C-alpha atoms as a PDB file:
ATOM      1  CA  MET A   1      26.362   0.177   6.374  1.00  0.00           C
ATOM      2  CA  THR A   2      22.843   1.151   5.370  1.00  0.00           C
ATOM      3  CA  GLU A   3      21.638  -0.166   2.044  1.00  0.00           C
ATOM      4  CA  SER A   4      19.963   2.405  -0.176  1.00  0.00           C
ATOM      5  CA  HIS A   5      17.310   1.723  -2.769  1.00  0.00           C
ATOM      6  CA  GLU A   6      16.168   3.670  -5.789  1.00  0.00           C
ATOM      7  CA  CYS A   7      12.579   4.878  -5.858  1.00  0.00           C
ATOM      8  CA  PHE A   8      10.734   3.260  -8.772  1.00  0.00           C
ATOM      9  CA  ILE A   9       8.693   6.432  -9.299  1.00  0.00           C
ATOM     10  CA  THR A  10      11.132   9.300  -8.759  1.00  0.00           C
ATOM     11  CA  GLY A  11      14.472   7.600  -9.375  1.00  0.00           C
ATOM     12  CA  GLU A  12      15.790   9.218  -6.205  1.00  0.00           C
ATOM     13  CA  SER A  13      17.825   7.310  -3.648  1.00  0.00           C
ATOM     14  CA  ILE A  14      15.857   6.061  -0.639  1.00  0.00           C
ATOM     15  CA  GLN A  15      17.931   6.083   2.535  1.00  0.00           C
ATOM     16  CA  ASN A  16      15.197   5.181   5.013  1.00  0.00           C
ATOM     17  CA  ILE A  17      12.836   2.462   3.806  1.00  0.00           C
ATOM     18  CA  GLU A  18      10.633   2.808   6.897  1.00  0.00           C
ATOM     19  CA  ASP A  19       8.629   5.519   5.118  1.00  0.00           C
ATOM     20  CA  SER A  20       8.725   3.690   1.785  1.00  0.00           C
ATOM     21  CA  ARG A  21       6.500   1.025   0.342  1.00  0.00           C
ATOM     22  CA  PHE A  22       7.335  -2.036  -1.744  1.00  0.00           C
ATOM     23  CA  THR A  23       5.583  -2.996  -4.972  1.00  0.00           C
ATOM     24  CA  TRP A  24       5.640  -6.697  -5.707  1.00  0.00           C
ATOM     25  CA  GLU A  25       4.388  -6.088  -9.239  1.00  0.00           C
ATOM     26  CA  PHE A  26       7.615  -4.277 -10.139  1.00  0.00           C
ATOM     27  CA  ASP A  27       9.878  -5.735  -7.409  1.00  0.00           C
ATOM     28  CA  ALA A  28      10.848  -2.234  -6.347  1.00  0.00           C
ATOM     29  CA  TRP A  29      10.652   0.343  -3.571  1.00  0.00           C
ATOM     30  CA  VAL A  30       8.619   3.543  -3.780  1.00  0.00           C
ATOM     31  CA  SER A  31       9.593   6.493  -1.592  1.00  0.00           C
ATOM     32  CA  GLU A  32       7.162   8.550   0.439  1.00  0.00           C
ATOM     33  CA  ARG A  33       7.357  11.241  -2.264  1.00  0.00           C
ATOM     34  CA  GLY A  34       6.635   8.618  -4.952  1.00  0.00           C
ATOM     35  CA  GLN A  35       3.625   7.434  -2.967  1.00  0.00           C
ATOM     36  CA  GLN A  36       2.359  11.016  -2.760  1.00  0.00           C
ATOM     37  CA  MET A  37       2.736  11.377  -6.520  1.00  0.00           C
ATOM     38  CA  ILE A  38       0.666   8.222  -7.095  1.00  0.00           C
ATOM     39  CA  ASP A  39      -1.973   9.364  -4.574  1.00  0.00           C
ATOM     40  CA  ASN A  40      -2.169  12.779  -6.249  1.00  0.00           C
ATOM     41  CA  ALA A  41      -2.556  11.172  -9.669  1.00  0.00           C
ATOM     42  CA  TYR A  42      -5.440   9.099  -8.289  1.00  0.00           C
ATOM     43  CA  ALA A  43      -7.077  12.129  -6.654  1.00  0.00           C
ATOM     44  CA  THR A  44      -6.911  14.186  -9.855  1.00  0.00           C
ATOM     45  CA  GLY A  45      -8.055  11.383 -12.166  1.00  0.00           C
ATOM     46  CA  GLU A  46      -4.692  11.225 -13.925  1.00  0.00           C
ATOM     47  CA  LEU A  47      -3.803   7.751 -12.686  1.00  0.00           C
ATOM     48  CA  GLU A  48      -5.217   6.149 -15.830  1.00  0.00           C
ATOM     49  CA  ASN A  49      -2.582   8.024 -17.865  1.00  0.00           C
ATOM     50  CA  ASN A  50       0.243   5.993 -16.313  1.00  0.00           C
ATOM     51  CA  ARG A  51      -0.291   2.238 -16.481  1.00  0.00           C
ATOM     52  CA  GLU A  52       2.555   1.412 -14.071  1.00  0.00           C
ATOM     53  CA  TRP A  53       1.231   3.773 -11.408  1.00  0.00           C
ATOM     54  CA  GLU A  54      -2.273   2.417 -11.935  1.00  0.00           C
ATOM     55  CA  ILE A  55      -1.009  -1.140 -11.355  1.00  0.00           C
ATOM     56  CA  ILE A  56       0.868  -0.099  -8.214  1.00  0.00           C
ATOM     57  CA  TYR A  57      -2.165   1.774  -6.846  1.00  0.00           C
ATOM     58  CA  GLY A  58      -4.366  -1.268  -7.477  1.00  0.00           C
ATOM     59  CA  GLU A  59      -1.859  -3.574  -5.789  1.00  0.00           C
ATOM     60  CA  TRP A  60      -1.620  -1.356  -2.702  1.00  0.00           C
ATOM     61  CA  TYR A  61      -5.385  -0.799  -2.538  1.00  0.00           C
ATOM     62  CA  ALA A  62      -6.017  -4.550  -2.559  1.00  0.00           C
ATOM     63  CA  GLN A  63      -3.314  -5.109   0.035  1.00  0.00           C
ATOM     64  CA  ASP A  64      -4.681  -2.363   2.316  1.00  0.00           C
ATOM     65  CA  GLU A  65      -8.227  -3.747   2.042  1.00  0.00           C
ATOM     66  CA  ALA A  66      -7.043  -7.271   2.902  1.00  0.00           C
ATOM     67  CA  ASP A  67      -5.013  -5.962   5.852  1.00  0.00           C
ATOM     68  CA  ALA A  68      -8.017  -4.003   7.132  1.00  0.00           C
ATOM     69  CA  ALA A  69     -10.247  -7.072   6.871  1.00  0.00           C
ATOM     70  CA  ARG A  70      -7.746  -9.180   8.813  1.00  0.00           C
ATOM     71  CA  TRP A  71      -7.544  -6.529  11.561  1.00  0.00           C
ATOM     72  CA  ASP A  72     -11.324  -6.304  11.706  1.00  0.00           C
ATOM     73  CA  MET A  73     -11.615 -10.072  12.013  1.00  0.00           C
ATOM     74  CA  ALA A  74      -8.929 -10.200  14.714  1.00  0.00           C
ATOM     75  CA  LEU A  75     -10.571  -7.437  16.718  1.00  0.00           C
ATOM     76  CA  ARG A  76     -13.955  -9.132  16.520  1.00  0.00           C
ATOM     77  CA  HIS A  77     -12.483 -12.293  17.977  1.00  0.00           C
ATOM     78  CA  LEU A  78     -10.952 -10.289  20.844  1.00  0.00           C
ATOM     79  CA  ASP A  79     -14.298  -8.669  21.655  1.00  0.00           C
ATOM     80  CA  TYR A  80     -15.757 -11.236  24.038  1.00  0.00           C
ATOM     81  CA  ASP A  81     -19.171  -9.556  24.033  1.00  0.00           C
ATOM     82  CA  ASN A  82     -19.429  -9.962  20.269  1.00  0.00           C
ATOM     83  CA  LYS A  83     -21.464 -12.976  19.173  1.00  0.00           C
ATOM     84  CA  PHE A  84     -19.507 -13.256  15.923  1.00  0.00           C
ATOM     85  CA  ASP A  85     -19.517 -16.847  14.739  1.00  0.00           C
ATOM     86  CA  GLY A  86     -17.633 -16.442  11.476  1.00  0.00           C
ATOM     87  CA  GLU A  87     -20.713 -16.376   9.258  1.00  0.00           C
ATOM     88  CA  HIS A  88     -22.132 -12.918   9.898  1.00  0.00           C
ATOM     89  CA  GLU A  89     -20.667  -9.446   9.596  1.00  0.00           C
END
């Protein structure tokens, strides 16, 4: 039996969490549609009108930046022609 979750943003049932994202700040799942709503609010400057969405956006932004930095660091270490020694970008 597949467990369903409720989207923190839309309140709709989420059947497939593969397209959803978790927010640790609110211990909840956000559906793909909920993510789009948050992204749209950011793009239109309306994010500041909803403190919860602003917190979630900030959490995900920080997480995405950290993930990107880890991937960049891993790829640099796999590039054997790169003279990266851990101290320079």
